[in-house]
Every structure is written in structure tokens, then in C-alpha cells.
Amino acid sequence: MPKYTYHCSECEQYSEIRHSMSKTLRVCPTCEIEDTLTRVPSTPVALLNQGQQIEPETGNLVKEFIEENKKSLKKMKEEGRKEMNNE
């Protein structure tokens, strides 16, 4: 389900709510007053730049971490093999 951000004109609170696309929230979850909510536009999760998808910063950090650890493990395996062959 998509997540929507709403702003209440009565209590001035912002709320993030997950619901179906066909539903519209009418009652504020904070002050419980009806018909005071306005849906706040939000940016899409996947941004497109010239037809190419831009990966989020977190995804890039995870990939870098994985690659660094693969290199470290490969080096440790090689050192372990050398030690086993020397014994």
C-alpha cells in the first residue's frame, strides 16, 4: 500500500498513513476532527533522470560495503590457504 502524508488545518500536525489509492483520509488521526486534512504532495521514491533510474544513497553504501567485504574475505581465504600449506 502506498504511504500518504496529510496535514491537519486544525491541529497543524502532519501524519503519514498507508492506505489504498482509492481511499482518502477524512478524520485526523491526532485530533480526530473530520474534514480538516489535506493530502501533501510527495516526491516519488524512484527518481528518473534521462531515462535511467538513480539509486538511493543507502543502496550505494550497501553495495560498497559488500564489495569491500568480498575483497577482505578473499584475502583472508588466500592467507588461510597459505598457512595450511606451510604447516
PDB file of N, CA and C in Angstrom:
ATOM      1  N   MET A   1       0.842  -1.185   0.000  1.00  0.00           N
ATOM      2  CA  MET A   1       0.000   0.000   0.000  1.00  0.00           C
ATOM      3  C   MET A   1       0.881   1.240   0.000  1.00  0.00           C
ATOM      4  N   PRO A   2       0.462   2.258  -0.723  1.00  0.00           N
ATOM      5  CA  PRO A   2       1.249   3.491  -0.739  1.00  0.00           C
ATOM      6  C   PRO A   2       1.104   4.271   0.563  1.00  0.00           C
ATOM      7  N   LYS A   3       2.105   5.090   0.813  1.00  0.00           N
ATOM      8  CA  LYS A   3       2.106   5.919   2.022  1.00  0.00           C
ATOM      9  C   LYS A   3       1.805   7.358   1.610  1.00  0.00           C
ATOM     10  N   TYR A   4       0.892   7.992   2.317  1.00  0.00           N
ATOM     11  CA  TYR A   4       0.489   9.365   2.023  1.00  0.00           C
ATOM     12  C   TYR A   4       0.753  10.253   3.232  1.00  0.00           C
ATOM     13  N   THR A   5       1.077  11.507   2.961  1.00  0.00           N
ATOM     14  CA  THR A   5       1.291  12.485   4.023  1.00  0.00           C
ATOM     15  C   THR A   5       0.110  13.437   4.027  1.00  0.00           C
ATOM     16  N   TYR A   6      -0.441  13.658   5.200  1.00  0.00           N
ATOM     17  CA  TYR A   6      -1.573  14.566   5.368  1.00  0.00           C
ATOM     18  C   TYR A   6      -1.200  15.663   6.362  1.00  0.00           C
ATOM     19  N   HIS A   7      -1.820  16.846   6.164  1.00  0.00           N
ATOM     20  CA  HIS A   7      -1.649  17.961   7.095  1.00  0.00           C
ATOM     21  C   HIS A   7      -3.021  18.360   7.614  1.00  0.00           C
ATOM     22  N   CYS A   8      -3.124  18.517   8.924  1.00  0.00           N
ATOM     23  CA  CYS A   8      -4.386  18.908   9.550  1.00  0.00           C
ATOM     24  C   CYS A   8      -4.387  20.420   9.764  1.00  0.00           C
ATOM     25  N   SER A   9      -5.414  21.081   9.261  1.00  0.00           N
ATOM     26  CA  SER A   9      -5.500  22.539   9.420  1.00  0.00           C
ATOM     27  C   SER A   9      -5.924  22.929  10.840  1.00  0.00           C
ATOM     28  N   GLU A  10      -6.470  22.006  11.590  1.00  0.00           N
ATOM     29  CA  GLU A  10      -6.916  22.288  12.956  1.00  0.00           C
ATOM     30  C   GLU A  10      -5.768  22.183  13.965  1.00  0.00           C
ATOM     31  N   CYS A  11      -5.074  21.037  14.008  1.00  0.00           N
ATOM     32  CA  CYS A  11      -4.010  20.828  14.999  1.00  0.00           C
ATOM     33  C   CYS A  11      -2.609  21.077  14.422  1.00  0.00           C
ATOM     34  N   GLU A  12      -2.532  21.345  13.105  1.00  0.00           N
ATOM     35  CA  GLU A  12      -1.272  21.652  12.416  1.00  0.00           C
ATOM     36  C   GLU A  12      -0.271  20.496  12.414  1.00  0.00           C
ATOM     37  N   GLN A  13      -0.744  19.278  12.639  1.00  0.00           N
ATOM     38  CA  GLN A  13       0.130  18.116  12.653  1.00  0.00           C
ATOM     39  C   GLN A  13       0.187  17.473  11.259  1.00  0.00           C
ATOM     40  N   TYR A  14       1.329  16.859  10.965  1.00  0.00           N
ATOM     41  CA  TYR A  14       1.499  16.075   9.744  1.00  0.00           C
ATOM     42  C   TYR A  14       1.423  14.604  10.126  1.00  0.00           C
ATOM     43  N   SER A  15       0.776  13.807   9.297  1.00  0.00           N
ATOM     44  CA  SER A  15       0.637  12.379   9.554  1.00  0.00           C
ATOM     45  C   SER A  15       0.967  11.612   8.287  1.00  0.00           C
ATOM     46  N   GLU A  16       1.719  10.518   8.439  1.00  0.00           N
ATOM     47  CA  GLU A  16       1.996   9.620   7.327  1.00  0.00           C
ATOM     48  C   GLU A  16       1.154   8.369   7.531  1.00  0.00           C
ATOM     49  N   ILE A  17       0.297   8.093   6.549  1.00  0.00           N
ATOM     50  CA  ILE A  17      -0.655   6.998   6.657  1.00  0.00           C
ATOM     51  C   ILE A  17      -0.551   6.123   5.413  1.00  0.00           C
ATOM     52  N   ARG A  18      -0.593   4.796   5.603  1.00  0.00           N
ATOM     53  CA  ARG A  18      -0.632   3.853   4.480  1.00  0.00           C
ATOM     54  C   ARG A  18      -2.073   3.417   4.270  1.00  0.00           C
ATOM     55  N   HIS A  19      -2.528   3.573   3.021  1.00  0.00           N
ATOM     56  CA  HIS A  19      -3.857   3.105   2.654  1.00  0.00           C
ATOM     57  C   HIS A  19      -3.927   2.924   1.146  1.00  0.00           C
ATOM     58  N   SER A  20      -5.020   2.333   0.683  1.00  0.00           N
ATOM     59  CA  SER A  20      -5.167   2.078  -0.749  1.00  0.00           C
ATOM     60  C   SER A  20      -5.281   3.401  -1.505  1.00  0.00           C
ATOM     61  N   MET A  21      -4.992   3.328  -2.813  1.00  0.00           N
ATOM     62  CA  MET A  21      -5.022   4.535  -3.632  1.00  0.00           C
ATOM     63  C   MET A  21      -6.446   5.083  -3.776  1.00  0.00           C
ATOM     64  N   SER A  22      -7.436   4.248  -3.668  1.00  0.00           N
ATOM     65  CA  SER A  22      -8.818   4.685  -3.845  1.00  0.00           C
ATOM     66  C   SER A  22      -9.391   5.361  -2.592  1.00  0.00           C
ATOM     67  N   LYS A  23      -8.742   5.211  -1.476  1.00  0.00           N
ATOM     68  CA  LYS A  23      -9.233   5.766  -0.214  1.00  0.00           C
ATOM     69  C   LYS A  23      -8.659   7.157   0.022  1.00  0.00           C
ATOM     70  N   THR A  24      -9.444   8.027   0.656  1.00  0.00           N
ATOM     71  CA  THR A  24      -8.978   9.347   1.072  1.00  0.00           C
ATOM     72  C   THR A  24      -9.273   9.500   2.558  1.00  0.00           C
ATOM     73  N   LEU A  25      -8.289   9.883   3.312  1.00  0.00           N
ATOM     74  CA  LEU A  25      -8.451  10.039   4.760  1.00  0.00           C
ATOM     75  C   LEU A  25      -9.248  11.311   5.043  1.00  0.00           C
ATOM     76  N   ARG A  26     -10.233  11.218   5.931  1.00  0.00           N
ATOM     77  CA  ARG A  26     -11.067  12.379   6.239  1.00  0.00           C
ATOM     78  C   ARG A  26     -10.947  12.814   7.693  1.00  0.00           C
ATOM     79  N   VAL A  27     -10.590  11.883   8.589  1.00  0.00           N
ATOM     80  CA  VAL A  27     -10.526  12.195  10.016  1.00  0.00           C
ATOM     81  C   VAL A  27      -9.064  12.249  10.441  1.00  0.00           C
ATOM     82  N   CYS A  28      -8.673  13.327  11.099  1.00  0.00           N
ATOM     83  CA  CYS A  28      -7.291  13.492  11.563  1.00  0.00           C
ATOM     84  C   CYS A  28      -6.983  12.442  12.632  1.00  0.00           C
ATOM     85  N   PRO A  29      -5.879  11.692  12.473  1.00  0.00           N
ATOM     86  CA  PRO A  29      -5.539  10.683  13.476  1.00  0.00           C
ATOM     87  C   PRO A  29      -5.062  11.295  14.791  1.00  0.00           C
ATOM     88  N   THR A  30      -4.686  12.569  14.791  1.00  0.00           N
ATOM     89  CA  THR A  30      -4.198  13.221  16.008  1.00  0.00           C
ATOM     90  C   THR A  30      -5.325  13.851  16.815  1.00  0.00           C
ATOM     91  N   CYS A  31      -6.080  14.769  16.178  1.00  0.00           N
ATOM     92  CA  CYS A  31      -7.132  15.481  16.910  1.00  0.00           C
ATOM     93  C   CYS A  31      -8.526  14.899  16.675  1.00  0.00           C
ATOM     94  N   GLU A  32      -8.634  13.960  15.726  1.00  0.00           N
ATOM     95  CA  GLU A  32      -9.873  13.254  15.408  1.00  0.00           C
ATOM     96  C   GLU A  32     -11.009  14.153  14.930  1.00  0.00           C
ATOM     97  N   ILE A  33     -10.658  15.291  14.318  1.00  0.00           N
ATOM     98  CA  ILE A  33     -11.660  16.186  13.752  1.00  0.00           C
ATOM     99  C   ILE A  33     -11.800  15.852  12.270  1.00  0.00           C
ATOM    100  N   GLU A  34     -13.039  15.846  11.796  1.00  0.00           N
ATOM    101  CA  GLU A  34     -13.325  15.443  10.428  1.00  0.00           C
ATOM    102  C   GLU A  34     -13.180  16.619   9.452  1.00  0.00           C
ATOM    103  N   ASP A  35     -12.751  16.309   8.232  1.00  0.00           N
ATOM    104  CA  ASP A  35     -12.640  17.252   7.115  1.00  0.00           C
ATOM    105  C   ASP A  35     -11.660  18.399   7.361  1.00  0.00           C
ATOM    106  N   THR A  36     -10.572  18.128   8.061  1.00  0.00           N
ATOM    107  CA  THR A  36      -9.531  19.151   8.261  1.00  0.00           C
ATOM    108  C   THR A  36      -8.217  18.758   7.607  1.00  0.00           C
ATOM    109  N   LEU A  37      -8.203  17.598   6.927  1.00  0.00           N
ATOM    110  CA  LEU A  37      -6.965  17.083   6.346  1.00  0.00           C
ATOM    111  C   LEU A  37      -6.800  17.488   4.889  1.00  0.00           C
ATOM    112  N   THR A  38      -5.548  17.747   4.541  1.00  0.00           N
ATOM    113  CA  THR A  38      -5.165  17.994   3.165  1.00  0.00           C
ATOM    114  C   THR A  38      -4.006  17.078   2.847  1.00  0.00           C
ATOM    115  N   ARG A  39      -4.104  16.371   1.719  1.00  0.00           N
ATOM    116  CA  ARG A  39      -3.007  15.497   1.333  1.00  0.00           C
ATOM    117  C   ARG A  39      -1.861  16.357   0.822  1.00  0.00           C
ATOM    118  N   VAL A  40      -0.651  16.089   1.337  1.00  0.00           N
ATOM    119  CA  VAL A  40       0.549  16.832   0.964  1.00  0.00           C
ATOM    120  C   VAL A  40       1.248  16.078  -0.161  1.00  0.00           C
ATOM    121  N   PRO A  41       1.539  16.754  -1.281  1.00  0.00           N
ATOM    122  CA  PRO A  41       2.258  16.070  -2.371  1.00  0.00           C
ATOM    123  C   PRO A  41       3.635  15.620  -1.906  1.00  0.00           C
ATOM    124  N   SER A  42       4.061  14.473  -2.389  1.00  0.00           N
ATOM    125  CA  SER A  42       5.385  13.967  -2.019  1.00  0.00           C
ATOM    126  C   SER A  42       6.122  13.543  -3.275  1.00  0.00           C
ATOM    127  N   THR A  43       7.441  13.481  -3.179  1.00  0.00           N
ATOM    128  CA  THR A  43       8.250  13.078  -4.325  1.00  0.00           C
ATOM    129  C   THR A  43       8.239  11.565  -4.441  1.00  0.00           C
ATOM    130  N   PRO A  44       8.337  11.045  -5.649  1.00  0.00           N
ATOM    131  CA  PRO A  44       8.359   9.594  -5.815  1.00  0.00           C
ATOM    132  C   PRO A  44       9.630   8.981  -5.237  1.00  0.00           C
ATOM    133  N   VAL A  45       9.546   7.720  -4.844  1.00  0.00           N
ATOM    134  CA  VAL A  45      10.686   7.022  -4.267  1.00  0.00           C
ATOM    135  C   VAL A  45      11.784   6.818  -5.304  1.00  0.00           C
ATOM    136  N   ALA A  46      11.404   6.375  -6.486  1.00  0.00           N
ATOM    137  CA  ALA A  46      12.385   6.136  -7.541  1.00  0.00           C
ATOM    138  C   ALA A  46      12.401   7.341  -8.478  1.00  0.00           C
ATOM    139  N   LEU A  47      13.469   8.086  -8.451  1.00  0.00           N
ATOM    140  CA  LEU A  47      13.608   9.247  -9.311  1.00  0.00           C
ATOM    141  C   LEU A  47      14.214   8.824 -10.637  1.00  0.00           C
ATOM    142  N   LEU A  48      13.703   9.388 -11.712  1.00  0.00           N
ATOM    143  CA  LEU A  48      14.231   9.054 -13.029  1.00  0.00           C
ATOM    144  C   LEU A  48      14.990  10.255 -13.585  1.00  0.00           C
ATOM    145  N   ASN A  49      16.169   9.987 -14.148  1.00  0.00           N
ATOM    146  CA  ASN A  49      16.994  11.034 -14.730  1.00  0.00           C
ATOM    147  C   ASN A  49      17.397  10.604 -16.135  1.00  0.00           C
ATOM    148  N   GLN A  50      16.833  11.228 -17.128  1.00  0.00           N
ATOM    149  CA  GLN A  50      17.124  10.933 -18.522  1.00  0.00           C
ATOM    150  C   GLN A  50      16.916   9.451 -18.831  1.00  0.00           C
ATOM    151  N   GLY A  51      15.841   8.887 -18.314  1.00  0.00           N
ATOM    152  CA  GLY A  51      15.518   7.501 -18.608  1.00  0.00           C
ATOM    153  C   GLY A  51      16.266   6.482 -17.763  1.00  0.00           C
ATOM    154  N   GLN A  52      17.173   6.917 -16.886  1.00  0.00           N
ATOM    155  CA  GLN A  52      17.918   5.989 -16.035  1.00  0.00           C
ATOM    156  C   GLN A  52      17.468   6.175 -14.593  1.00  0.00           C
ATOM    157  N   GLN A  53      17.329   5.053 -13.894  1.00  0.00           N
ATOM    158  CA  GLN A  53      16.922   5.125 -12.505  1.00  0.00           C
ATOM    159  C   GLN A  53      18.121   5.464 -11.638  1.00  0.00           C
ATOM    160  N   ILE A  54      17.951   6.439 -10.738  1.00  0.00           N
ATOM    161  CA  ILE A  54      19.003   6.833  -9.812  1.00  0.00           C
ATOM    162  C   ILE A  54      18.842   6.016  -8.534  1.00  0.00           C
ATOM    163  N   GLU A  55      19.916   5.376  -8.095  1.00  0.00           N
ATOM    164  CA  GLU A  55      19.844   4.569  -6.878  1.00  0.00           C
ATOM    165  C   GLU A  55      19.953   5.467  -5.655  1.00  0.00           C
ATOM    166  N   PRO A  56      19.222   5.149  -4.616  1.00  0.00           N
ATOM    167  CA  PRO A  56      19.330   5.926  -3.384  1.00  0.00           C
ATOM    168  C   PRO A  56      20.720   5.788  -2.764  1.00  0.00           C
ATOM    169  N   GLU A  57      21.123   6.779  -1.989  1.00  0.00           N
ATOM    170  CA  GLU A  57      22.437   6.798  -1.341  1.00  0.00           C
ATOM    171  C   GLU A  57      22.662   5.545  -0.502  1.00  0.00           C
ATOM    172  N   THR A  58      21.644   5.107   0.211  1.00  0.00           N
ATOM    173  CA  THR A  58      21.782   3.928   1.061  1.00  0.00           C
ATOM    174  C   THR A  58      22.151   2.702   0.239  1.00  0.00           C
ATOM    175  N   GLY A  59      21.517   2.538  -0.904  1.00  0.00           N
ATOM    176  CA  GLY A  59      21.817   1.402  -1.761  1.00  0.00           C
ATOM    177  C   GLY A  59      23.265   1.393  -2.203  1.00  0.00           C
ATOM    178  N   ASN A  60      23.791   2.569  -2.533  1.00  0.00           N
ATOM    179  CA  ASN A  60      25.187   2.662  -2.944  1.00  0.00           C
ATOM    180  C   ASN A  60      26.120   2.299  -1.788  1.00  0.00           C
ATOM    181  N   LEU A  61      25.795   2.745  -0.582  1.00  0.00           N
ATOM    182  CA  LEU A  61      26.628   2.438   0.580  1.00  0.00           C
ATOM    183  C   LEU A  61      26.653   0.944   0.861  1.00  0.00           C
ATOM    184  N   VAL A  62      25.512   0.297   0.725  1.00  0.00           N
ATOM    185  CA  VAL A  62      25.431  -1.150   0.963  1.00  0.00           C
ATOM    186  C   VAL A  62      26.275  -1.894  -0.065  1.00  0.00           C
ATOM    187  N   LYS A  63      26.161  -1.493  -1.335  1.00  0.00           N
ATOM    188  CA  LYS A  63      26.954  -2.145  -2.389  1.00  0.00           C
ATOM    189  C   LYS A  63      28.448  -1.987  -2.126  1.00  0.00           C
ATOM    190  N   GLU A  64      28.877  -0.781  -1.736  1.00  0.00           N
ATOM    191  CA  GLU A  64      30.294  -0.549  -1.430  1.00  0.00           C
ATOM    192  C   GLU A  64      30.749  -1.437  -0.273  1.00  0.00           C
ATOM    193  N   PHE A  65      29.929  -1.530   0.773  1.00  0.00           N
ATOM    194  CA  PHE A  65      30.249  -2.350   1.942  1.00  0.00           C
ATOM    195  C   PHE A  65      30.398  -3.813   1.540  1.00  0.00           C
ATOM    196  N   ILE A  66      29.480  -4.299   0.717  1.00  0.00           N
ATOM    197  CA  ILE A  66      29.535  -5.690   0.270  1.00  0.00           C
ATOM    198  C   ILE A  66      30.803  -5.947  -0.536  1.00  0.00           C
ATOM    199  N   GLU A  67      31.140  -5.054  -1.454  1.00  0.00           N
ATOM    200  CA  GLU A  67      32.339  -5.230  -2.279  1.00  0.00           C
ATOM    201  C   GLU A  67      33.611  -5.221  -1.432  1.00  0.00           C
ATOM    202  N   GLU A  68      33.682  -4.308  -0.458  1.00  0.00           N
ATOM    203  CA  GLU A  68      34.850  -4.250   0.432  1.00  0.00           C
ATOM    204  C   GLU A  68      34.988  -5.552   1.217  1.00  0.00           C
ATOM    205  N   ASN A  69      33.878  -6.079   1.714  1.00  0.00           N
ATOM    206  CA  ASN A  69      33.915  -7.318   2.487  1.00  0.00           C
ATOM    207  C   ASN A  69      34.262  -8.522   1.626  1.00  0.00           C
ATOM    208  N   LYS A  70      33.815  -8.533   0.370  1.00  0.00           N
ATOM    209  CA  LYS A  70      34.194  -9.615  -0.535  1.00  0.00           C
ATOM    210  C   LYS A  70      35.707  -9.637  -0.721  1.00  0.00           C
ATOM    211  N   LYS A  71      36.306  -8.460  -0.896  1.00  0.00           N
ATOM    212  CA  LYS A  71      37.757  -8.368  -1.070  1.00  0.00           C
ATOM    213  C   LYS A  71      38.478  -8.847   0.188  1.00  0.00           C
ATOM    214  N   SER A  72      37.979  -8.411   1.351  1.00  0.00           N
ATOM    215  CA  SER A  72      38.598  -8.822   2.616  1.00  0.00           C
ATOM    216  C   SER A  72      38.518 -10.330   2.802  1.00  0.00           C
ATOM    217  N   LEU A  73      37.359 -10.919   2.518  1.00  0.00           N
ATOM    218  CA  LEU A  73      37.199 -12.367   2.667  1.00  0.00           C
ATOM    219  C   LEU A  73      38.094 -13.134   1.704  1.00  0.00           C
ATOM    220  N   LYS A  74      38.221 -12.647   0.493  1.00  0.00           N
ATOM    221  CA  LYS A  74      39.080 -13.295  -0.488  1.00  0.00           C
ATOM    222  C   LYS A  74      40.530 -13.284   0.000  1.00  0.00           C
ATOM    223  N   LYS A  75      40.953 -12.159   0.556  1.00  0.00           N
ATOM    224  CA  LYS A  75      42.318 -12.036   1.071  1.00  0.00           C
ATOM    225  C   LYS A  75      42.521 -12.982   2.257  1.00  0.00           C
ATOM    226  N   MET A  76      41.533 -13.052   3.142  1.00  0.00           N
ATOM    227  CA  MET A  76      41.641 -13.934   4.303  1.00  0.00           C
ATOM    228  C   MET A  76      41.692 -15.403   3.870  1.00  0.00           C
ATOM    229  N   LYS A  77      40.924 -15.775   2.856  1.00  0.00           N
ATOM    230  CA  LYS A  77      40.949 -17.157   2.353  1.00  0.00           C
ATOM    231  C   LYS A  77      42.330 -17.496   1.805  1.00  0.00           C
ATOM    232  N   GLU A  78      42.914 -16.568   1.047  1.00  0.00           N
ATOM    233  CA  GLU A  78      44.237 -16.797   0.483  1.00  0.00           C
ATOM    234  C   GLU A  78      45.279 -16.960   1.586  1.00  0.00           C
ATOM    235  N   GLU A  79      45.212 -16.124   2.613  1.00  0.00           N
ATOM    236  CA  GLU A  79      46.148 -16.226   3.729  1.00  0.00           C
ATOM    237  C   GLU A  79      45.966 -17.551   4.469  1.00  0.00           C
ATOM    238  N   GLY A  80      44.710 -17.973   4.646  1.00  0.00           N
ATOM    239  CA  GLY A  80      44.430 -19.245   5.316  1.00  0.00           C
ATOM    240  C   GLY A  80      44.978 -20.431   4.538  1.00  0.00           C
ATOM    241  N   ARG A  81      44.843 -20.382   3.220  1.00  0.00           N
ATOM    242  CA  ARG A  81      45.383 -21.465   2.384  1.00  0.00           C
ATOM    243  C   ARG A  81      46.906 -21.523   2.486  1.00  0.00           C
ATOM    244  N   LYS A  82      47.536 -20.359   2.496  1.00  0.00           N
ATOM    245  CA  LYS A  82      49.000 -20.311   2.591  1.00  0.00           C
ATOM    246  C   LYS A  82      49.448 -20.910   3.925  1.00  0.00           C
ATOM    247  N   GLU A  83      48.749 -20.581   5.013  1.00  0.00           N
ATOM    248  CA  GLU A  83      49.088 -21.110   6.333  1.00  0.00           C
ATOM    249  C   GLU A  83      48.915 -22.634   6.357  1.00  0.00           C
ATOM    250  N   MET A  84      47.854 -23.129   5.750  1.00  0.00           N
ATOM    251  CA  MET A  84      47.611 -24.571   5.734  1.00  0.00           C
ATOM    252  C   MET A  84      48.679 -25.299   4.924  1.00  0.00           C
ATOM    253  N   ASN A  85      49.134 -24.703   3.835  1.00  0.00           N
ATOM    254  CA  ASN A  85      50.159 -25.311   3.003  1.00  0.00           C
ATOM    255  C   ASN A  85      51.524 -25.292   3.674  1.00  0.00           C
ATOM    256  N   ASN A  86      51.796 -24.327   4.519  1.00  0.00           N
ATOM    257  CA  ASN A  86      53.094 -24.200   5.218  1.00  0.00           C
ATOM    258  C   ASN A  86      53.191 -25.155   6.409  1.00  0.00           C
ATOM    259  N   GLU A  87      52.089 -25.626   6.948  1.00  0.00           N
ATOM    260  CA  GLU A  87      52.112 -26.477   8.142  1.00  0.00           C
ATOM    261  C   GLU A  87      52.422 -27.884   7.831  1.00  0.00           C
TER     262      GLU A  87
END
